Amino acid sequence: MRISLLIVLAICSIFASCEDNKKASEVKTETISKKLKDSVVTPITSEAVQKQAPKSSIQEITNENVIAFLTEYGADNPETKAQIQTQHGELEIELFTDTPLHRANFIYLVKNGYFNGTFFHRVVKNFIIQGGNSDDVSTVRKRNKLGKTYLLPAEIIPGRNHSYGTISGAKEYRENPDNRSMPYEFFIFLGPQTSTKHLNGSYTIFGKVTKGMDVVEKIANLPADEGDWPLQNVYIQEIILR
């Protein structure tokens, strides 16, 4: 009789164990299913990617949009002072507010890192030093990205003449009766007033050197080849806005 009772208890225990295991398994499966359901990620559409992607600060400038773009950019970026760093020393400059397109263009190029690594690539003793170009392919790539063909409308102020330390936009001579400036290059004037006859009224003066003309003189007196290119590259290491 005792043996029979033990057998019955053992059988009940087995069924109870199976039932508990079944319930535990069901609960576990249910929990996993719920977690999987909760963890379903909504697929990202191309539209969502575009919304999440940061907008580039660079816009290609053309002759068609140059005035509108730089007018708006100038209103949002009012800086007028900058420091140009070279291996020969630093220059401090002031940009004029009455040549707004040239000022805005210069600020735009600085903020997009255009000038970093370019050269003062033309030096003429007792006359000018010209900067903003280089023989490095990276300069061409930057120009292609910022705007390959645009020119700046002339902003020539009557009575404002080139003088010691003035900064002007360089100019393309080819078919340029409107005296438009090249956007990427500028020159600092050192020469005597007798050298300004062909400059005054033809080139936009948009700033001046306020400190560091000794550095400009040093650069102007460096040895150069027949094309006025310095024998040793004069790097514009960085331009810092003040």
C-alpha atoms as a PDB file:
ATOM      1  CA  MET A   1       0.000   0.000   0.000  1.00  0.00           C
ATOM      2  CA  ARG A   2       2.840   2.321   0.904  1.00  0.00           C
ATOM      3  CA  ILE A   3       4.580   1.544  -2.373  1.00  0.00           C
ATOM      4  CA  SER A   4       1.424   2.386  -4.367  1.00  0.00           C
ATOM      5  CA  LEU A   5       1.097   5.718  -2.590  1.00  0.00           C
ATOM      6  CA  LEU A   6       4.677   6.609  -3.395  1.00  0.00           C
ATOM      7  CA  ILE A   7       4.104   5.791  -7.061  1.00  0.00           C
ATOM      8  CA  VAL A   8       1.016   8.013  -7.199  1.00  0.00           C
ATOM      9  CA  LEU A   9       2.874  10.912  -5.560  1.00  0.00           C
ATOM     10  CA  ALA A  10       5.764  10.556  -7.989  1.00  0.00           C
ATOM     11  CA  ILE A  11       3.436  10.615 -11.004  1.00  0.00           C
ATOM     12  CA  CYS A  12       1.684  13.781  -9.718  1.00  0.00           C
ATOM     13  CA  SER A  13       5.018  15.418  -9.137  1.00  0.00           C
ATOM     14  CA  ILE A  14       6.089  14.727 -12.714  1.00  0.00           C
ATOM     15  CA  PHE A  15       2.871  16.197 -14.171  1.00  0.00           C
ATOM     16  CA  ALA A  16       3.133  19.240 -11.922  1.00  0.00           C
ATOM     17  CA  SER A  17       6.730  19.766 -12.974  1.00  0.00           C
ATOM     18  CA  CYS A  18       5.822  19.500 -16.666  1.00  0.00           C
ATOM     19  CA  GLU A  19       2.971  21.952 -16.223  1.00  0.00           C
ATOM     20  CA  ASP A  20       5.199  24.471 -14.428  1.00  0.00           C
ATOM     21  CA  ASN A  21       7.853  24.145 -17.116  1.00  0.00           C
ATOM     22  CA  LYS A  22       5.262  24.644 -19.772  1.00  0.00           C
ATOM     23  CA  LYS A  23       3.945  27.759 -18.095  1.00  0.00           C
ATOM     24  CA  ALA A  24       7.469  29.125 -17.614  1.00  0.00           C
ATOM     25  CA  SER A  25       8.263  28.433 -21.259  1.00  0.00           C
ATOM     26  CA  GLU A  26       5.094  30.153 -22.381  1.00  0.00           C
ATOM     27  CA  VAL A  27       5.843  33.191 -20.212  1.00  0.00           C
ATOM     28  CA  LYS A  28       9.426  33.356 -21.526  1.00  0.00           C
ATOM     29  CA  THR A  29       8.287  33.089 -25.167  1.00  0.00           C
ATOM     30  CA  GLU A  30       5.640  35.719 -24.582  1.00  0.00           C
ATOM     31  CA  THR A  31       8.216  38.086 -23.023  1.00  0.00           C
ATOM     32  CA  ILE A  32      10.683  37.624 -25.901  1.00  0.00           C
ATOM     33  CA  SER A  33       7.946  38.221 -28.477  1.00  0.00           C
ATOM     34  CA  LYS A  34       6.923  41.400 -26.689  1.00  0.00           C
ATOM     35  CA  LYS A  35      10.533  42.624 -26.579  1.00  0.00           C
ATOM     36  CA  LEU A  36      11.005  41.911 -30.274  1.00  0.00           C
ATOM     37  CA  LYS A  37       7.795  43.711 -31.064  1.00  0.00           C
ATOM     38  CA  ASP A  38       8.841  46.690 -28.956  1.00  0.00           C
ATOM     39  CA  SER A  39      12.295  46.788 -30.533  1.00  0.00           C
ATOM     40  CA  VAL A  40      11.107  47.027 -34.137  1.00  0.00           C
ATOM     41  CA  VAL A  41      12.894  50.029 -35.723  1.00  0.00           C
ATOM     42  CA  THR A  42      11.093  52.140 -38.264  1.00  0.00           C
ATOM     43  CA  PRO A  43      13.166  52.116 -41.459  1.00  0.00           C
ATOM     44  CA  ILE A  44      14.894  55.459 -42.219  1.00  0.00           C
ATOM     45  CA  THR A  45      13.792  56.915 -45.515  1.00  0.00           C
ATOM     46  CA  SER A  46      16.024  59.043 -47.731  1.00  0.00           C
ATOM     47  CA  GLU A  47      13.896  62.016 -46.704  1.00  0.00           C
ATOM     48  CA  ALA A  48      14.650  61.331 -43.035  1.00  0.00           C
ATOM     49  CA  VAL A  49      18.376  61.097 -43.780  1.00  0.00           C
ATOM     50  CA  GLN A  50      18.286  64.461 -45.507  1.00  0.00           C
ATOM     51  CA  LYS A  51      16.546  65.999 -42.496  1.00  0.00           C
ATOM     52  CA  GLN A  52      19.118  64.559 -40.090  1.00  0.00           C
ATOM     53  CA  ALA A  53      22.182  65.448 -42.188  1.00  0.00           C
ATOM     54  CA  PRO A  54      23.861  68.732 -41.226  1.00  0.00           C
ATOM     55  CA  LYS A  55      23.587  71.453 -43.837  1.00  0.00           C
ATOM     56  CA  SER A  56      26.854  72.497 -45.478  1.00  0.00           C
ATOM     57  CA  SER A  57      28.020  76.056 -44.866  1.00  0.00           C
ATOM     58  CA  ILE A  58      29.306  76.193 -48.421  1.00  0.00           C
ATOM     59  CA  GLN A  59      27.181  77.395 -51.306  1.00  0.00           C
ATOM     60  CA  GLU A  60      28.469  77.675 -54.850  1.00  0.00           C
ATOM     61  CA  ILE A  61      28.494  81.316 -55.910  1.00  0.00           C
ATOM     62  CA  THR A  62      27.775  82.265 -59.507  1.00  0.00           C
ATOM     63  CA  ASN A  63      27.593  85.554 -61.380  1.00  0.00           C
ATOM     64  CA  GLU A  64      23.812  85.216 -61.225  1.00  0.00           C
ATOM     65  CA  ASN A  65      23.506  84.872 -57.432  1.00  0.00           C
ATOM     66  CA  VAL A  66      26.620  86.723 -56.232  1.00  0.00           C
ATOM     67  CA  ILE A  67      24.924  90.002 -55.246  1.00  0.00           C
ATOM     68  CA  ALA A  68      21.945  88.431 -53.474  1.00  0.00           C
ATOM     69  CA  PHE A  69      24.040  85.828 -51.679  1.00  0.00           C
ATOM     70  CA  LEU A  70      26.790  88.163 -50.462  1.00  0.00           C
ATOM     71  CA  THR A  71      24.298  90.854 -49.446  1.00  0.00           C
ATOM     72  CA  GLU A  72      22.489  88.389 -47.200  1.00  0.00           C
ATOM     73  CA  TYR A  73      25.722  86.797 -45.982  1.00  0.00           C
ATOM     74  CA  GLY A  74      27.202  90.184 -45.150  1.00  0.00           C
ATOM     75  CA  ALA A  75      24.175  91.114 -43.064  1.00  0.00           C
ATOM     76  CA  ASP A  76      24.555  87.908 -41.037  1.00  0.00           C
ATOM     77  CA  ASN A  77      28.362  88.147 -40.717  1.00  0.00           C
ATOM     78  CA  PRO A  78      29.374  91.697 -39.751  1.00  0.00           C
ATOM     79  CA  GLU A  79      33.085  91.140 -38.963  1.00  0.00           C
ATOM     80  CA  THR A  80      35.471  93.863 -40.149  1.00  0.00           C
ATOM     81  CA  LYS A  81      38.812  92.907 -38.578  1.00  0.00           C
ATOM     82  CA  ALA A  82      41.138  89.994 -39.226  1.00  0.00           C
ATOM     83  CA  GLN A  83      44.667  88.773 -38.579  1.00  0.00           C
ATOM     84  CA  ILE A  84      46.663  87.180 -41.404  1.00  0.00           C
ATOM     85  CA  GLN A  85      49.319  84.753 -40.165  1.00  0.00           C
ATOM     86  CA  THR A  86      52.426  83.987 -42.240  1.00  0.00           C
ATOM     87  CA  GLN A  87      55.800  82.414 -41.486  1.00  0.00           C
ATOM     88  CA  HIS A  88      57.269  85.925 -41.650  1.00  0.00           C
ATOM     89  CA  GLY A  89      54.890  87.444 -39.108  1.00  0.00           C
ATOM     90  CA  GLU A  90      51.317  88.642 -38.683  1.00  0.00           C
ATOM     91  CA  LEU A  91      49.260  91.360 -40.341  1.00  0.00           C
ATOM     92  CA  GLU A  92      46.198  92.974 -38.845  1.00  0.00           C
ATOM     93  CA  ILE A  93      43.669  94.297 -41.314  1.00  0.00           C
ATOM     94  CA  GLU A  94      40.409  96.223 -41.370  1.00  0.00           C
ATOM     95  CA  LEU A  95      37.697  95.628 -43.978  1.00  0.00           C
ATOM     96  CA  PHE A  96      35.619  98.597 -45.125  1.00  0.00           C
ATOM     97  CA  THR A  97      31.847  98.488 -44.668  1.00  0.00           C
ATOM     98  CA  ASP A  98      31.167 100.692 -47.709  1.00  0.00           C
ATOM     99  CA  THR A  99      32.398  97.912 -50.016  1.00  0.00           C
ATOM    100  CA  PRO A 100      29.927  95.330 -48.664  1.00  0.00           C
ATOM    101  CA  LEU A 101      30.219  92.680 -51.371  1.00  0.00           C
ATOM    102  CA  HIS A 102      34.018  92.539 -51.173  1.00  0.00           C
ATOM    103  CA  ARG A 103      33.917  92.489 -47.376  1.00  0.00           C
ATOM    104  CA  ALA A 104      31.295  89.731 -47.266  1.00  0.00           C
ATOM    105  CA  ASN A 105      33.164  87.692 -49.886  1.00  0.00           C
ATOM    106  CA  PHE A 106      36.416  87.909 -47.917  1.00  0.00           C
ATOM    107  CA  ILE A 107      34.659  86.861 -44.692  1.00  0.00           C
ATOM    108  CA  TYR A 108      32.913  84.005 -46.500  1.00  0.00           C
ATOM    109  CA  LEU A 109      36.196  82.681 -47.876  1.00  0.00           C
ATOM    110  CA  VAL A 110      37.877  82.969 -44.476  1.00  0.00           C
ATOM    111  CA  LYS A 111      35.075  81.112 -42.700  1.00  0.00           C
ATOM    112  CA  ASN A 112      35.236  78.326 -45.263  1.00  0.00           C
ATOM    113  CA  GLY A 113      39.014  77.990 -44.917  1.00  0.00           C
ATOM    114  CA  TYR A 114      39.840  79.033 -48.458  1.00  0.00           C
ATOM    115  CA  PHE A 115      42.952  81.092 -47.718  1.00  0.00           C
ATOM    116  CA  ASN A 116      44.602  78.566 -45.401  1.00  0.00           C
ATOM    117  CA  GLY A 117      47.617  77.145 -47.231  1.00  0.00           C
ATOM    118  CA  THR A 118      47.503  79.609 -50.120  1.00  0.00           C
ATOM    119  CA  PHE A 119      50.452  81.942 -50.792  1.00  0.00           C
ATOM    120  CA  PHE A 120      51.434  85.515 -51.191  1.00  0.00           C
ATOM    121  CA  HIS A 121      52.301  84.392 -54.686  1.00  0.00           C
ATOM    122  CA  ARG A 122      53.319  87.691 -56.284  1.00  0.00           C
ATOM    123  CA  VAL A 123      55.811  90.098 -54.724  1.00  0.00           C
ATOM    124  CA  VAL A 124      57.032  93.324 -56.314  1.00  0.00           C
ATOM    125  CA  LYS A 125      59.454  95.420 -54.305  1.00  0.00           C
ATOM    126  CA  ASN A 126      58.215  98.962 -53.636  1.00  0.00           C
ATOM    127  CA  PHE A 127      54.856  98.174 -55.236  1.00  0.00           C
ATOM    128  CA  ILE A 128      52.594  95.297 -54.071  1.00  0.00           C
ATOM    129  CA  ILE A 129      52.306  91.847 -52.584  1.00  0.00           C
ATOM    130  CA  GLN A 130      49.429  89.721 -53.892  1.00  0.00           C
ATOM    131  CA  GLY A 131      47.864  86.770 -52.054  1.00  0.00           C
ATOM    132  CA  GLY A 132      45.239  84.059 -52.384  1.00  0.00           C
ATOM    133  CA  ASN A 133      46.674  81.670 -54.978  1.00  0.00           C
ATOM    134  CA  SER A 134      49.014  78.664 -54.953  1.00  0.00           C
ATOM    135  CA  ASP A 135      50.336  75.931 -57.205  1.00  0.00           C
ATOM    136  CA  ASP A 136      48.713  73.265 -55.032  1.00  0.00           C
ATOM    137  CA  VAL A 137      45.807  71.305 -56.515  1.00  0.00           C
ATOM    138  CA  SER A 138      43.853  71.817 -53.280  1.00  0.00           C
ATOM    139  CA  THR A 139      43.428  75.504 -54.169  1.00  0.00           C
ATOM    140  CA  VAL A 140      41.800  74.599 -57.473  1.00  0.00           C
ATOM    141  CA  ARG A 141      39.495  72.175 -55.676  1.00  0.00           C
ATOM    142  CA  LYS A 142      38.448  74.847 -53.194  1.00  0.00           C
ATOM    143  CA  ARG A 143      37.664  77.274 -56.014  1.00  0.00           C
ATOM    144  CA  ASN A 144      35.649  74.633 -57.842  1.00  0.00           C
ATOM    145  CA  LYS A 145      33.618  74.025 -54.701  1.00  0.00           C
ATOM    146  CA  LEU A 146      33.026  77.662 -53.757  1.00  0.00           C
ATOM    147  CA  GLY A 147      32.432  79.001 -57.250  1.00  0.00           C
ATOM    148  CA  LYS A 148      34.487  78.417 -60.377  1.00  0.00           C
ATOM    149  CA  THR A 149      33.665  81.440 -62.469  1.00  0.00           C
ATOM    150  CA  TYR A 150      32.110  84.226 -60.432  1.00  0.00           C
ATOM    151  CA  LEU A 151      33.538  87.736 -60.230  1.00  0.00           C
ATOM    152  CA  LEU A 152      32.758  90.504 -57.754  1.00  0.00           C
ATOM    153  CA  PRO A 153      31.003  93.634 -59.048  1.00  0.00           C
ATOM    154  CA  ALA A 154      33.199  96.727 -58.764  1.00  0.00           C
ATOM    155  CA  GLU A 155      32.691  98.810 -55.603  1.00  0.00           C
ATOM    156  CA  ILE A 156      34.982 101.699 -56.440  1.00  0.00           C
ATOM    157  CA  ILE A 157      34.522 104.629 -54.047  1.00  0.00           C
ATOM    158  CA  PRO A 158      35.115 108.030 -55.717  1.00  0.00           C
ATOM    159  CA  GLY A 159      38.126 109.772 -54.219  1.00  0.00           C
ATOM    160  CA  ARG A 160      39.464 106.665 -52.490  1.00  0.00           C
ATOM    161  CA  ASN A 161      42.936 106.113 -53.887  1.00  0.00           C
ATOM    162  CA  HIS A 162      45.566 103.476 -53.341  1.00  0.00           C
ATOM    163  CA  SER A 163      47.958 104.369 -50.572  1.00  0.00           C
ATOM    164  CA  TYR A 164      50.481 102.655 -48.324  1.00  0.00           C
ATOM    165  CA  GLY A 165      48.783  99.554 -46.860  1.00  0.00           C
ATOM    166  CA  THR A 166      45.489  99.589 -48.786  1.00  0.00           C
ATOM    167  CA  ILE A 167      43.985  96.209 -49.727  1.00  0.00           C
ATOM    168  CA  SER A 168      42.344  95.791 -53.131  1.00  0.00           C
ATOM    169  CA  GLY A 169      40.694  93.055 -55.137  1.00  0.00           C
ATOM    170  CA  ALA A 170      42.911  91.672 -57.878  1.00  0.00           C
ATOM    171  CA  LYS A 171      41.449  91.797 -61.354  1.00  0.00           C
ATOM    172  CA  GLU A 172      41.311  89.717 -64.503  1.00  0.00           C
ATOM    173  CA  TYR A 173      42.361  91.740 -67.516  1.00  0.00           C
ATOM    174  CA  ARG A 174      40.569  89.574 -70.049  1.00  0.00           C
ATOM    175  CA  GLU A 175      37.359  91.279 -71.214  1.00  0.00           C
ATOM    176  CA  ASN A 176      36.714  93.043 -67.927  1.00  0.00           C
ATOM    177  CA  PRO A 177      35.459  96.536 -68.798  1.00  0.00           C
ATOM    178  CA  ASP A 178      33.329  96.620 -65.625  1.00  0.00           C
ATOM    179  CA  ASN A 179      36.405  96.331 -63.368  1.00  0.00           C
ATOM    180  CA  ARG A 180      35.072  93.242 -61.633  1.00  0.00           C
ATOM    181  CA  SER A 181      37.391  91.748 -59.002  1.00  0.00           C
ATOM    182  CA  MET A 182      38.690  88.220 -58.834  1.00  0.00           C
ATOM    183  CA  PRO A 183      37.084  86.855 -55.648  1.00  0.00           C
ATOM    184  CA  TYR A 184      40.024  84.760 -54.471  1.00  0.00           C
ATOM    185  CA  GLU A 185      42.988  87.146 -54.739  1.00  0.00           C
ATOM    186  CA  PHE A 186      43.847  90.489 -53.174  1.00  0.00           C
ATOM    187  CA  PHE A 187      46.861  92.776 -53.108  1.00  0.00           C
ATOM    188  CA  ILE A 188      48.405  95.108 -50.557  1.00  0.00           C
ATOM    189  CA  PHE A 189      49.857  98.320 -51.949  1.00  0.00           C
ATOM    190  CA  LEU A 190      53.279  99.626 -50.859  1.00  0.00           C
ATOM    191  CA  GLY A 191      54.458 101.735 -53.754  1.00  0.00           C
ATOM    192  CA  PRO A 192      54.656 105.489 -54.118  1.00  0.00           C
ATOM    193  CA  GLN A 193      51.664 107.505 -55.254  1.00  0.00           C
ATOM    194  CA  THR A 194      53.309 107.826 -58.667  1.00  0.00           C
ATOM    195  CA  SER A 195      52.569 104.135 -59.164  1.00  0.00           C
ATOM    196  CA  THR A 196      48.813 104.448 -58.650  1.00  0.00           C
ATOM    197  CA  LYS A 197      47.715 106.052 -61.919  1.00  0.00           C
ATOM    198  CA  HIS A 198      46.595 102.747 -63.492  1.00  0.00           C
ATOM    199  CA  LEU A 199      45.150 101.471 -60.192  1.00  0.00           C
ATOM    200  CA  ASN A 200      42.952 104.313 -58.952  1.00  0.00           C
ATOM    201  CA  GLY A 201      39.435 104.069 -60.296  1.00  0.00           C
ATOM    202  CA  SER A 202      40.041 100.608 -61.728  1.00  0.00           C
ATOM    203  CA  TYR A 203      40.452  98.384 -58.657  1.00  0.00           C
ATOM    204  CA  THR A 204      38.156  98.126 -55.637  1.00  0.00           C
ATOM    205  CA  ILE A 205      39.907  99.100 -52.401  1.00  0.00           C
ATOM    206  CA  PHE A 206      38.092  97.179 -49.674  1.00  0.00           C
ATOM    207  CA  GLY A 207      40.405  97.344 -46.661  1.00  0.00           C
ATOM    208  CA  LYS A 208      43.720  98.382 -45.173  1.00  0.00           C
ATOM    209  CA  VAL A 209      46.559  96.994 -43.065  1.00  0.00           C
ATOM    210  CA  THR A 210      46.379  98.491 -39.561  1.00  0.00           C
ATOM    211  CA  LYS A 211      49.398  96.710 -38.135  1.00  0.00           C
ATOM    212  CA  GLY A 212      52.279  94.717 -39.613  1.00  0.00           C
ATOM    213  CA  MET A 213      53.429  96.731 -42.617  1.00  0.00           C
ATOM    214  CA  ASP A 214      56.979  95.771 -41.635  1.00  0.00           C
ATOM    215  CA  VAL A 215      55.971  92.182 -42.425  1.00  0.00           C
ATOM    216  CA  VAL A 216      54.502  93.304 -45.759  1.00  0.00           C
ATOM    217  CA  GLU A 217      57.789  95.058 -46.570  1.00  0.00           C
ATOM    218  CA  LYS A 218      59.751  91.954 -45.639  1.00  0.00           C
ATOM    219  CA  ILE A 219      57.640  89.791 -47.956  1.00  0.00           C
ATOM    220  CA  ALA A 220      57.851  92.346 -50.780  1.00  0.00           C
ATOM    221  CA  ASN A 221      61.650  92.242 -50.629  1.00  0.00           C
ATOM    222  CA  LEU A 222      61.977  88.457 -50.887  1.00  0.00           C
ATOM    223  CA  PRO A 223      63.825  87.087 -53.949  1.00  0.00           C
ATOM    224  CA  ALA A 224      61.409  86.262 -56.774  1.00  0.00           C
ATOM    225  CA  ASP A 225      61.543  84.785 -60.263  1.00  0.00           C
ATOM    226  CA  GLU A 226      60.830  86.651 -63.508  1.00  0.00           C
ATOM    227  CA  GLY A 227      57.098  86.191 -62.953  1.00  0.00           C
ATOM    228  CA  ASP A 228      57.294  87.828 -59.492  1.00  0.00           C
ATOM    229  CA  TRP A 229      56.673  84.481 -57.769  1.00  0.00           C
ATOM    230  CA  PRO A 230      58.769  84.251 -54.570  1.00  0.00           C
ATOM    231  CA  LEU A 231      61.553  81.686 -54.763  1.00  0.00           C
ATOM    232  CA  GLN A 232      60.424  80.497 -51.337  1.00  0.00           C
ATOM    233  CA  ASN A 233      56.680  80.040 -50.844  1.00  0.00           C
ATOM    234  CA  VAL A 234      55.112  82.590 -48.487  1.00  0.00           C
ATOM    235  CA  TYR A 235      52.211  80.750 -46.889  1.00  0.00           C
ATOM    236  CA  ILE A 236      49.040  82.321 -45.605  1.00  0.00           C
ATOM    237  CA  GLN A 237      48.897  79.914 -42.712  1.00  0.00           C
ATOM    238  CA  GLU A 238      45.566  81.101 -41.384  1.00  0.00           C
ATOM    239  CA  ILE A 239      43.306  84.137 -41.268  1.00  0.00           C
ATOM    240  CA  ILE A 240      41.609  84.729 -37.926  1.00  0.00           C
ATOM    241  CA  LEU A 241      38.593  87.016 -37.696  1.00  0.00           C
ATOM    242  CA  ARG A 242      38.501  89.488 -34.811  1.00  0.00           C
END
